[in-house]
Amino acid sequence: TEAFQRLDIYQPSVRNGGVIVWVHGGGWADRPDDVATFATEEPAGMQPIVPALYQRGWTIVSVGYTDVGSAPLPQQVLDTKLAIRWVRRHAGRFGVSPNAVVVMGWSAGGHLAALAGTSAGALEPDEVPASLEGVSSRPDLVVSIEGVLDPFTFADNPGVFESNPAAMSTALGCPGRPSAWRTCDPELLRAMRPTTHLDAGDPPIYIAAGDRDGIIDLRSQALDPYDSFVRVLGDAEALLDVVDTGSAADHGGIDPRNHSVSVSYELNAEALFHFVDSVLEGVPSGGGSPFGLAIHTR
């Protein structure tokens, strides 16, 4: 029996020609994003920057991917890249440009988005549906929000959340052996680092990371990978937003590790919009700031 993944497609009444392929977080596990009403509300599964972009005319495609408990990495990125191919193949059907495909993700989704951006030709399914053969899986822009940009160091940074080793070992195919996350499949672990595949032909990337995140270490998961992206892509093709997330109380006590919604609330939306404008010609990102998104400069 052939397995299929689900894509949820949300089209604004006025479309700007761009499409956001949204990749949810949650430890590489399959879970509903609860996005059915995201155009009018802000459900927990969608980071608030996504409905903000929807209001600016972006078509949103929310990607489902295989639960890591059913199949370890890289299946999740293969699913994501098949979704990108599908979106590009059917772009005309949904009134969007096949050259304005942005893959955007949070946490584990940020990792999958970045890996989809760098691994074109290196990580591809063994079999591709005939209708998608010859269609590029390379996105035109990557946005990683609190992404796991270096799985190799994800589980052993000082002060990281206690479940990180278990999540990483499960993702690599050795569930129940959290202490073996680095040794169970070193080759796969290396292949899951987006920078392993990085080259000058990769798409631009926008990285947003919080300054007080107990799950995503700022240095190893944002600052160091950003340096690698800049060295290869150049200053104009990589942008880093280090977000002052404040305390948990600043966000109603939600997620004391400052990993969930706080970064997406406070990321530099203005900088993101300008970045999108600079790399995707003819797709206006729009202005304004719904959902309380901060507009500030750095």
C-alpha atoms as a PDB file:
ATOM      1  CA  THR A   1       0.000   0.000   0.000  1.00  0.00           C
ATOM      2  CA  GLU A   2       1.435   3.351  -1.007  1.00  0.00           C
ATOM      3  CA  ALA A   3       1.518   5.907   1.790  1.00  0.00           C
ATOM      4  CA  PHE A   4       0.559   9.514   1.220  1.00  0.00           C
ATOM      5  CA  GLN A   5       1.189  12.643   3.266  1.00  0.00           C
ATOM      6  CA  ARG A   6      -1.313  15.443   3.594  1.00  0.00           C
ATOM      7  CA  LEU A   7      -0.950  19.045   2.458  1.00  0.00           C
ATOM      8  CA  ASP A   8      -3.323  21.665   3.852  1.00  0.00           C
ATOM      9  CA  ILE A   9      -3.628  24.618   1.489  1.00  0.00           C
ATOM     10  CA  TYR A  10      -4.864  28.058   2.540  1.00  0.00           C
ATOM     11  CA  GLN A  11      -5.405  30.711  -0.095  1.00  0.00           C
ATOM     12  CA  PRO A  12      -5.989  34.380   0.769  1.00  0.00           C
ATOM     13  CA  SER A  13      -8.641  36.265  -1.155  1.00  0.00           C
ATOM     14  CA  VAL A  14      -5.942  38.426  -2.765  1.00  0.00           C
ATOM     15  CA  ARG A  15      -2.789  36.485  -3.657  1.00  0.00           C
ATOM     16  CA  ASN A  16       0.651  38.008  -4.220  1.00  0.00           C
ATOM     17  CA  GLY A  17       2.066  35.075  -6.181  1.00  0.00           C
ATOM     18  CA  GLY A  18       4.219  33.650  -3.379  1.00  0.00           C
ATOM     19  CA  VAL A  19       3.742  30.422  -1.437  1.00  0.00           C
ATOM     20  CA  ILE A  20       4.922  29.458   2.057  1.00  0.00           C
ATOM     21  CA  VAL A  21       5.562  25.746   2.551  1.00  0.00           C
ATOM     22  CA  TRP A  22       5.152  25.523   6.334  1.00  0.00           C
ATOM     23  CA  VAL A  23       6.935  22.664   8.161  1.00  0.00           C
ATOM     24  CA  HIS A  24       5.786  22.170  11.735  1.00  0.00           C
ATOM     25  CA  GLY A  25       8.031  21.413  14.704  1.00  0.00           C
ATOM     26  CA  GLY A  26       7.597  18.927  17.512  1.00  0.00           C
ATOM     27  CA  GLY A  27      10.639  16.663  17.605  1.00  0.00           C
ATOM     28  CA  TRP A  28      10.251  15.383  14.018  1.00  0.00           C
ATOM     29  CA  ALA A  29       6.994  13.729  15.089  1.00  0.00           C
ATOM     30  CA  ASP A  30       3.820  13.759  13.028  1.00  0.00           C
ATOM     31  CA  ARG A  31       1.223  15.905  14.724  1.00  0.00           C
ATOM     32  CA  PRO A  32      -1.682  18.120  13.648  1.00  0.00           C
ATOM     33  CA  ASP A  33      -0.898  21.805  13.387  1.00  0.00           C
ATOM     34  CA  ASP A  34      -4.527  22.699  14.170  1.00  0.00           C
ATOM     35  CA  VAL A  35      -4.449  25.351  11.477  1.00  0.00           C
ATOM     36  CA  ALA A  36      -7.995  25.102  10.150  1.00  0.00           C
ATOM     37  CA  THR A  37      -8.894  28.560  11.461  1.00  0.00           C
ATOM     38  CA  PHE A  38      -5.464  30.177  11.357  1.00  0.00           C
ATOM     39  CA  ALA A  39      -6.597  32.838   8.872  1.00  0.00           C
ATOM     40  CA  THR A  40      -8.770  34.415  11.566  1.00  0.00           C
ATOM     41  CA  GLU A  41      -7.262  33.093  14.787  1.00  0.00           C
ATOM     42  CA  GLU A  42      -3.853  32.132  16.110  1.00  0.00           C
ATOM     43  CA  PRO A  43      -3.900  28.429  17.022  1.00  0.00           C
ATOM     44  CA  ALA A  44      -0.972  26.951  18.880  1.00  0.00           C
ATOM     45  CA  GLY A  45       0.432  25.011  15.941  1.00  0.00           C
ATOM     46  CA  MET A  46       1.124  28.002  13.702  1.00  0.00           C
ATOM     47  CA  GLN A  47       3.795  30.505  14.597  1.00  0.00           C
ATOM     48  CA  PRO A  48       2.242  33.991  14.307  1.00  0.00           C
ATOM     49  CA  ILE A  49       4.501  35.084  11.450  1.00  0.00           C
ATOM     50  CA  VAL A  50       2.661  32.596   9.205  1.00  0.00           C
ATOM     51  CA  PRO A  51      -0.849  34.094   9.478  1.00  0.00           C
ATOM     52  CA  ALA A  52       0.792  37.517   9.200  1.00  0.00           C
ATOM     53  CA  LEU A  53       2.205  36.519   5.821  1.00  0.00           C
ATOM     54  CA  TYR A  54      -1.151  35.017   4.843  1.00  0.00           C
ATOM     55  CA  GLN A  55      -2.769  38.393   5.448  1.00  0.00           C
ATOM     56  CA  ARG A  56      -0.210  39.874   3.062  1.00  0.00           C
ATOM     57  CA  GLY A  57      -1.283  37.635   0.215  1.00  0.00           C
ATOM     58  CA  TRP A  58       0.861  34.548   0.664  1.00  0.00           C
ATOM     59  CA  THR A  59      -0.656  31.162  -0.070  1.00  0.00           C
ATOM     60  CA  ILE A  60       0.153  28.798   2.831  1.00  0.00           C
ATOM     61  CA  VAL A  61       0.772  25.077   2.395  1.00  0.00           C
ATOM     62  CA  SER A  62       1.111  23.183   5.670  1.00  0.00           C
ATOM     63  CA  VAL A  63       3.125  19.974   5.235  1.00  0.00           C
ATOM     64  CA  GLY A  64       2.519  16.678   6.954  1.00  0.00           C
ATOM     65  CA  TYR A  65       5.475  14.323   7.260  1.00  0.00           C
ATOM     66  CA  THR A  66       6.166  10.810   8.504  1.00  0.00           C
ATOM     67  CA  ASP A  67       6.344  10.396  12.262  1.00  0.00           C
ATOM     68  CA  VAL A  68       9.929   9.795  13.326  1.00  0.00           C
ATOM     69  CA  GLY A  69       8.698   6.857  15.393  1.00  0.00           C
ATOM     70  CA  SER A  70       7.605   5.157  12.172  1.00  0.00           C
ATOM     71  CA  ALA A  71      10.674   6.011  10.105  1.00  0.00           C
ATOM     72  CA  PRO A  72      13.819   7.850  11.227  1.00  0.00           C
ATOM     73  CA  LEU A  73      15.543  10.680   9.431  1.00  0.00           C
ATOM     74  CA  PRO A  74      15.933  11.417   6.557  1.00  0.00           C
ATOM     75  CA  GLN A  75      12.349  10.364   5.718  1.00  0.00           C
ATOM     76  CA  GLN A  76      10.968  13.628   7.097  1.00  0.00           C
ATOM     77  CA  VAL A  77      13.089  15.785   4.803  1.00  0.00           C
ATOM     78  CA  LEU A  78      12.279  13.530   1.854  1.00  0.00           C
ATOM     79  CA  ASP A  79       8.586  14.114   2.568  1.00  0.00           C
ATOM     80  CA  THR A  80       9.214  17.852   2.779  1.00  0.00           C
ATOM     81  CA  LYS A  81      11.039  17.908  -0.541  1.00  0.00           C
ATOM     82  CA  LEU A  82       8.309  15.915  -2.247  1.00  0.00           C
ATOM     83  CA  ALA A  83       5.868  18.530  -0.944  1.00  0.00           C
ATOM     84  CA  ILE A  84       8.016  21.297  -2.466  1.00  0.00           C
ATOM     85  CA  ARG A  85       8.016  19.456  -5.796  1.00  0.00           C
ATOM     86  CA  TRP A  86       4.239  19.054  -5.633  1.00  0.00           C
ATOM     87  CA  VAL A  87       3.693  22.726  -4.847  1.00  0.00           C
ATOM     88  CA  ARG A  88       5.947  23.793  -7.710  1.00  0.00           C
ATOM     89  CA  ARG A  89       4.300  21.336 -10.123  1.00  0.00           C
ATOM     90  CA  HIS A  90       0.830  22.660  -9.283  1.00  0.00           C
ATOM     91  CA  ALA A  91       1.747  26.332  -8.803  1.00  0.00           C
ATOM     92  CA  GLY A  92      -0.398  27.526 -11.677  1.00  0.00           C
ATOM     93  CA  ARG A  93      -3.416  25.730 -10.274  1.00  0.00           C
ATOM     94  CA  PHE A  94      -3.177  27.795  -7.088  1.00  0.00           C
ATOM     95  CA  GLY A  95      -2.227  31.101  -8.643  1.00  0.00           C
ATOM     96  CA  VAL A  96       1.339  31.217  -7.325  1.00  0.00           C
ATOM     97  CA  SER A  97       4.731  31.435  -8.988  1.00  0.00           C
ATOM     98  CA  PRO A  98       6.870  28.278  -9.223  1.00  0.00           C
ATOM     99  CA  ASN A  99       9.815  30.617  -8.618  1.00  0.00           C
ATOM    100  CA  ALA A 100       8.530  32.005  -5.312  1.00  0.00           C
ATOM    101  CA  VAL A 101       8.459  28.902  -3.114  1.00  0.00           C
ATOM    102  CA  VAL A 102       9.516  29.667   0.464  1.00  0.00           C
ATOM    103  CA  VAL A 103      10.042  26.765   2.861  1.00  0.00           C
ATOM    104  CA  MET A 104       9.590  27.910   6.455  1.00  0.00           C
ATOM    105  CA  GLY A 105       9.745  25.878   9.642  1.00  0.00           C
ATOM    106  CA  TRP A 106      10.012  26.082  13.405  1.00  0.00           C
ATOM    107  CA  SER A 107      12.236  23.941  15.667  1.00  0.00           C
ATOM    108  CA  ALA A 108      12.485  20.482  14.035  1.00  0.00           C
ATOM    109  CA  GLY A 109      10.626  22.045  11.103  1.00  0.00           C
ATOM    110  CA  GLY A 110      13.322  24.713  10.880  1.00  0.00           C
ATOM    111  CA  HIS A 111      15.877  21.935  10.583  1.00  0.00           C
ATOM    112  CA  LEU A 112      13.912  20.235   7.805  1.00  0.00           C
ATOM    113  CA  ALA A 113      13.460  23.548   5.985  1.00  0.00           C
ATOM    114  CA  ALA A 114      17.194  24.318   6.107  1.00  0.00           C
ATOM    115  CA  LEU A 115      18.117  20.782   5.082  1.00  0.00           C
ATOM    116  CA  ALA A 116      15.681  20.944   2.155  1.00  0.00           C
ATOM    117  CA  GLY A 117      17.427  24.142   1.104  1.00  0.00           C
ATOM    118  CA  THR A 118      20.961  22.766   1.123  1.00  0.00           C
ATOM    119  CA  SER A 119      20.599  19.115   0.116  1.00  0.00           C
ATOM    120  CA  ALA A 120      19.227  19.319  -3.435  1.00  0.00           C
ATOM    121  CA  GLY A 121      20.535  16.272  -5.286  1.00  0.00           C
ATOM    122  CA  ALA A 122      22.039  14.776  -2.135  1.00  0.00           C
ATOM    123  CA  LEU A 123      18.930  13.709  -0.236  1.00  0.00           C
ATOM    124  CA  GLU A 124      16.157  12.692  -2.612  1.00  0.00           C
ATOM    125  CA  PRO A 125      13.604   9.854  -2.535  1.00  0.00           C
ATOM    126  CA  ASP A 126      14.566   6.654  -4.336  1.00  0.00           C
ATOM    127  CA  GLU A 127      11.294   6.849  -6.218  1.00  0.00           C
ATOM    128  CA  VAL A 128       9.481  10.012  -7.288  1.00  0.00           C
ATOM    129  CA  PRO A 129       5.924   9.986  -8.655  1.00  0.00           C
ATOM    130  CA  ALA A 130       5.969  10.289 -12.427  1.00  0.00           C
ATOM    131  CA  SER A 131       4.135  13.620 -12.280  1.00  0.00           C
ATOM    132  CA  LEU A 132       6.935  15.094 -10.154  1.00  0.00           C
ATOM    133  CA  GLU A 133       9.931  13.793 -12.081  1.00  0.00           C
ATOM    134  CA  GLY A 134      12.166  16.610 -13.227  1.00  0.00           C
ATOM    135  CA  VAL A 135      10.521  19.111 -10.853  1.00  0.00           C
ATOM    136  CA  SER A 136      13.020  20.815  -8.566  1.00  0.00           C
ATOM    137  CA  SER A 137      12.841  20.244  -4.809  1.00  0.00           C
ATOM    138  CA  ARG A 138      15.052  23.279  -4.167  1.00  0.00           C
ATOM    139  CA  PRO A 139      13.114  26.091  -2.460  1.00  0.00           C
ATOM    140  CA  ASP A 140      13.711  29.686  -3.506  1.00  0.00           C
ATOM    141  CA  LEU A 141      14.110  30.878   0.093  1.00  0.00           C
ATOM    142  CA  VAL A 142      14.484  29.231   3.520  1.00  0.00           C
ATOM    143  CA  VAL A 143      13.193  30.655   6.799  1.00  0.00           C
ATOM    144  CA  SER A 144      14.287  28.774   9.925  1.00  0.00           C
ATOM    145  CA  ILE A 145      12.705  29.824  13.231  1.00  0.00           C
ATOM    146  CA  GLU A 146      14.439  28.261  16.238  1.00  0.00           C
ATOM    147  CA  GLY A 147      15.674  25.525  13.906  1.00  0.00           C
ATOM    148  CA  VAL A 148      17.947  22.643  14.845  1.00  0.00           C
ATOM    149  CA  LEU A 149      20.672  23.760  12.454  1.00  0.00           C
ATOM    150  CA  ASP A 150      23.356  21.453  13.844  1.00  0.00           C
ATOM    151  CA  PRO A 151      22.014  18.065  14.988  1.00  0.00           C
ATOM    152  CA  PHE A 152      25.607  17.021  15.717  1.00  0.00           C
ATOM    153  CA  THR A 153      25.696  19.286  18.780  1.00  0.00           C
ATOM    154  CA  PHE A 154      21.970  19.482  19.538  1.00  0.00           C
ATOM    155  CA  ALA A 155      21.956  17.041  22.439  1.00  0.00           C
ATOM    156  CA  ASP A 156      25.174  17.839  24.296  1.00  0.00           C
ATOM    157  CA  ASN A 157      25.226  21.594  24.809  1.00  0.00           C
ATOM    158  CA  PRO A 158      25.494  22.710  28.446  1.00  0.00           C
ATOM    159  CA  GLY A 159      22.104  23.481  29.912  1.00  0.00           C
ATOM    160  CA  VAL A 160      20.012  22.045  27.083  1.00  0.00           C
ATOM    161  CA  PHE A 161      16.636  20.534  27.782  1.00  0.00           C
ATOM    162  CA  GLU A 162      16.829  17.044  29.259  1.00  0.00           C
ATOM    163  CA  SER A 163      14.774  15.426  26.480  1.00  0.00           C
ATOM    164  CA  ASN A 164      17.098  16.500  23.658  1.00  0.00           C
ATOM    165  CA  PRO A 165      19.220  13.289  23.653  1.00  0.00           C
ATOM    166  CA  ALA A 166      16.081  11.130  23.549  1.00  0.00           C
ATOM    167  CA  ALA A 167      14.626  13.149  20.688  1.00  0.00           C
ATOM    168  CA  MET A 168      17.859  12.963  18.731  1.00  0.00           C
ATOM    169  CA  SER A 169      18.333   9.231  19.264  1.00  0.00           C
ATOM    170  CA  THR A 170      14.766   8.531  18.123  1.00  0.00           C
ATOM    171  CA  ALA A 171      15.238  10.744  15.078  1.00  0.00           C
ATOM    172  CA  LEU A 172      18.357   8.792  14.123  1.00  0.00           C
ATOM    173  CA  GLY A 173      16.708   5.391  14.469  1.00  0.00           C
ATOM    174  CA  CYS A 174      17.819   4.266  17.924  1.00  0.00           C
ATOM    175  CA  PRO A 175      14.795   4.968  20.161  1.00  0.00           C
ATOM    176  CA  GLY A 176      15.142   4.146  23.835  1.00  0.00           C
ATOM    177  CA  ARG A 177      18.905   4.700  23.725  1.00  0.00           C
ATOM    178  CA  PRO A 178      19.337   8.410  24.481  1.00  0.00           C
ATOM    179  CA  SER A 179      22.996   8.002  25.447  1.00  0.00           C
ATOM    180  CA  ALA A 180      23.760   6.535  21.999  1.00  0.00           C
ATOM    181  CA  TRP A 181      22.497   9.441  19.929  1.00  0.00           C
ATOM    182  CA  ARG A 182      25.993  10.337  18.697  1.00  0.00           C
ATOM    183  CA  THR A 183      27.188   6.794  17.991  1.00  0.00           C
ATOM    184  CA  CYS A 184      24.147   4.912  16.669  1.00  0.00           C
ATOM    185  CA  ASP A 185      24.565   6.233  13.096  1.00  0.00           C
ATOM    186  CA  PRO A 186      27.395   8.783  12.769  1.00  0.00           C
ATOM    187  CA  GLU A 187      27.119   8.926   8.965  1.00  0.00           C
ATOM    188  CA  LEU A 188      23.414   9.740   9.120  1.00  0.00           C
ATOM    189  CA  LEU A 189      24.039  12.298  11.855  1.00  0.00           C
ATOM    190  CA  ARG A 190      26.567  14.090   9.665  1.00  0.00           C
ATOM    191  CA  ALA A 191      24.220  13.971   6.663  1.00  0.00           C
ATOM    192  CA  MET A 192      21.483  15.613   8.748  1.00  0.00           C
ATOM    193  CA  ARG A 193      23.578  18.771   9.273  1.00  0.00           C
ATOM    194  CA  PRO A 194      22.346  21.326   6.734  1.00  0.00           C
ATOM    195  CA  THR A 195      25.861  22.775   6.444  1.00  0.00           C
ATOM    196  CA  THR A 196      27.232  19.376   5.360  1.00  0.00           C
ATOM    197  CA  HIS A 197      25.600  19.931   1.968  1.00  0.00           C
ATOM    198  CA  LEU A 198      26.025  23.699   1.754  1.00  0.00           C
ATOM    199  CA  ASP A 199      27.225  25.169  -1.549  1.00  0.00           C
ATOM    200  CA  ALA A 200      27.040  28.460  -3.402  1.00  0.00           C
ATOM    201  CA  GLY A 201      23.970  27.396  -5.388  1.00  0.00           C
ATOM    202  CA  ASP A 202      21.768  27.033  -2.318  1.00  0.00           C
ATOM    203  CA  PRO A 203      18.870  29.408  -1.662  1.00  0.00           C
ATOM    204  CA  PRO A 204      19.067  32.403   0.679  1.00  0.00           C
ATOM    205  CA  ILE A 205      18.262  31.747   4.328  1.00  0.00           C
ATOM    206  CA  TYR A 206      16.732  33.813   7.140  1.00  0.00           C
ATOM    207  CA  ILE A 207      17.524  32.484  10.635  1.00  0.00           C
ATOM    208  CA  ALA A 208      15.642  33.606  13.741  1.00  0.00           C
ATOM    209  CA  ALA A 209      16.782  32.360  17.153  1.00  0.00           C
ATOM    210  CA  GLY A 210      16.025  33.341  20.736  1.00  0.00           C
ATOM    211  CA  ASP A 211      18.620  34.515  23.210  1.00  0.00           C
ATOM    212  CA  ARG A 212      17.216  32.448  26.115  1.00  0.00           C
ATOM    213  CA  ASP A 213      16.250  29.098  24.658  1.00  0.00           C
ATOM    214  CA  GLY A 214      16.855  26.017  26.780  1.00  0.00           C
ATOM    215  CA  ILE A 215      16.134  23.690  23.851  1.00  0.00           C
ATOM    216  CA  ILE A 216      17.918  25.401  20.953  1.00  0.00           C
ATOM    217  CA  ASP A 217      21.379  26.574  21.968  1.00  0.00           C
ATOM    218  CA  LEU A 218      22.026  29.997  20.432  1.00  0.00           C
ATOM    219  CA  ARG A 219      25.719  29.503  19.710  1.00  0.00           C
ATOM    220  CA  SER A 220      25.722  26.036  18.172  1.00  0.00           C
ATOM    221  CA  GLN A 221      22.296  26.099  16.525  1.00  0.00           C
ATOM    222  CA  ALA A 222      22.269  29.648  15.133  1.00  0.00           C
ATOM    223  CA  LEU A 223      25.447  31.717  15.397  1.00  0.00           C
ATOM    224  CA  ASP A 224      27.913  29.079  14.195  1.00  0.00           C
ATOM    225  CA  PRO A 225      25.701  27.764  11.358  1.00  0.00           C
ATOM    226  CA  TYR A 226      24.989  31.353  10.302  1.00  0.00           C
ATOM    227  CA  ASP A 227      28.732  31.965   9.965  1.00  0.00           C
ATOM    228  CA  SER A 228      28.925  28.945   7.658  1.00  0.00           C
ATOM    229  CA  PHE A 229      26.028  30.177   5.530  1.00  0.00           C
ATOM    230  CA  VAL A 230      27.591  33.639   5.204  1.00  0.00           C
ATOM    231  CA  ARG A 231      30.962  32.203   4.173  1.00  0.00           C
ATOM    232  CA  VAL A 232      29.380  30.196   1.377  1.00  0.00           C
ATOM    233  CA  LEU A 233      26.365  32.288   0.304  1.00  0.00           C
ATOM    234  CA  GLY A 234      27.577  35.787   1.171  1.00  0.00           C
ATOM    235  CA  ASP A 235      26.202  38.532   3.409  1.00  0.00           C
ATOM    236  CA  ALA A 236      23.320  39.378   1.097  1.00  0.00           C
ATOM    237  CA  GLU A 237      22.013  35.798   1.048  1.00  0.00           C
ATOM    238  CA  ALA A 238      21.953  35.023   4.790  1.00  0.00           C
ATOM    239  CA  LEU A 239      20.352  36.993   7.601  1.00  0.00           C
ATOM    240  CA  LEU A 240      20.373  36.276  11.339  1.00  0.00           C
ATOM    241  CA  ASP A 241      17.868  37.727  13.807  1.00  0.00           C
ATOM    242  CA  VAL A 242      18.831  37.111  17.445  1.00  0.00           C
ATOM    243  CA  VAL A 243      15.603  37.766  19.293  1.00  0.00           C
ATOM    244  CA  ASP A 244      15.359  39.241  22.786  1.00  0.00           C
ATOM    245  CA  THR A 245      12.707  36.882  24.104  1.00  0.00           C
ATOM    246  CA  GLY A 246      12.427  38.390  27.580  1.00  0.00           C
ATOM    247  CA  SER A 247      11.082  36.203  30.360  1.00  0.00           C
ATOM    248  CA  ALA A 248       8.288  33.666  30.265  1.00  0.00           C
ATOM    249  CA  ALA A 249       6.099  36.149  32.134  1.00  0.00           C
ATOM    250  CA  ASP A 250       6.387  38.517  29.158  1.00  0.00           C
ATOM    251  CA  HIS A 251       4.446  35.966  27.155  1.00  0.00           C
ATOM    252  CA  GLY A 252       1.757  35.055  29.653  1.00  0.00           C
ATOM    253  CA  GLY A 253       3.872  32.349  31.246  1.00  0.00           C
ATOM    254  CA  ILE A 254       3.848  30.282  28.044  1.00  0.00           C
ATOM    255  CA  ASP A 255       6.800  27.923  27.695  1.00  0.00           C
ATOM    256  CA  PRO A 256       9.374  28.960  30.304  1.00  0.00           C
ATOM    257  CA  ARG A 257      12.130  27.746  27.998  1.00  0.00           C
ATOM    258  CA  ASN A 258      11.262  30.537  25.536  1.00  0.00           C
ATOM    259  CA  HIS A 259      11.101  28.098  22.672  1.00  0.00           C
ATOM    260  CA  SER A 260       7.489  28.094  21.594  1.00  0.00           C
ATOM    261  CA  VAL A 261       5.842  31.333  20.451  1.00  0.00           C
ATOM    262  CA  SER A 262       8.038  34.048  21.908  1.00  0.00           C
ATOM    263  CA  VAL A 263      10.608  34.126  19.092  1.00  0.00           C
ATOM    264  CA  SER A 264       7.929  34.243  16.423  1.00  0.00           C
ATOM    265  CA  TYR A 265       6.193  37.088  18.254  1.00  0.00           C
ATOM    266  CA  GLU A 266       9.344  39.151  18.600  1.00  0.00           C
ATOM    267  CA  LEU A 267      11.320  38.337  15.483  1.00  0.00           C
ATOM    268  CA  ASN A 268      12.190  41.290  13.321  1.00  0.00           C
ATOM    269  CA  ALA A 269       9.274  41.062  10.901  1.00  0.00           C
ATOM    270  CA  GLU A 270      10.366  44.200   9.075  1.00  0.00           C
ATOM    271  CA  ALA A 271      13.788  42.697   8.406  1.00  0.00           C
ATOM    272  CA  LEU A 272      12.204  39.465   7.192  1.00  0.00           C
ATOM    273  CA  PHE A 273       9.902  41.340   4.817  1.00  0.00           C
ATOM    274  CA  HIS A 274      12.811  43.331   3.385  1.00  0.00           C
ATOM    275  CA  PHE A 275      14.851  40.150   3.010  1.00  0.00           C
ATOM    276  CA  VAL A 276      12.014  38.464   1.120  1.00  0.00           C
ATOM    277  CA  ASP A 277      11.681  41.515  -1.127  1.00  0.00           C
ATOM    278  CA  SER A 278      15.411  41.481  -1.891  1.00  0.00           C
ATOM    279  CA  VAL A 279      15.617  37.837  -2.944  1.00  0.00           C
ATOM    280  CA  LEU A 280      12.186  37.208  -4.478  1.00  0.00           C
ATOM    281  CA  GLU A 281      11.585  39.904  -7.032  1.00  0.00           C
ATOM    282  CA  GLY A 282       7.981  40.668  -7.848  1.00  0.00           C
ATOM    283  CA  VAL A 283       6.490  39.099  -4.714  1.00  0.00           C
ATOM    284  CA  PRO A 284       5.498  41.881  -2.311  1.00  0.00           C
ATOM    285  CA  SER A 285       5.737  40.859   1.332  1.00  0.00           C
ATOM    286  CA  GLY A 286       3.503  43.709   2.482  1.00  0.00           C
ATOM    287  CA  GLY A 287       3.591  45.924   5.536  1.00  0.00           C
ATOM    288  CA  GLY A 288       1.848  46.307   8.860  1.00  0.00           C
ATOM    289  CA  SER A 289       2.024  44.061  11.874  1.00  0.00           C
ATOM    290  CA  PRO A 290      -1.002  41.930  12.837  1.00  0.00           C
ATOM    291  CA  PHE A 291      -0.944  39.489  15.762  1.00  0.00           C
ATOM    292  CA  GLY A 292       1.291  41.813  17.800  1.00  0.00           C
ATOM    293  CA  LEU A 293       4.406  41.120  15.740  1.00  0.00           C
ATOM    294  CA  ALA A 294       7.251  43.395  16.709  1.00  0.00           C
ATOM    295  CA  ILE A 295       8.516  45.861  14.127  1.00  0.00           C
ATOM    296  CA  HIS A 296      11.942  47.023  15.183  1.00  0.00           C
ATOM    297  CA  THR A 297      15.420  47.476  13.827  1.00  0.00           C
ATOM    298  CA  ARG A 298      18.750  46.066  14.912  1.00  0.00           C
END
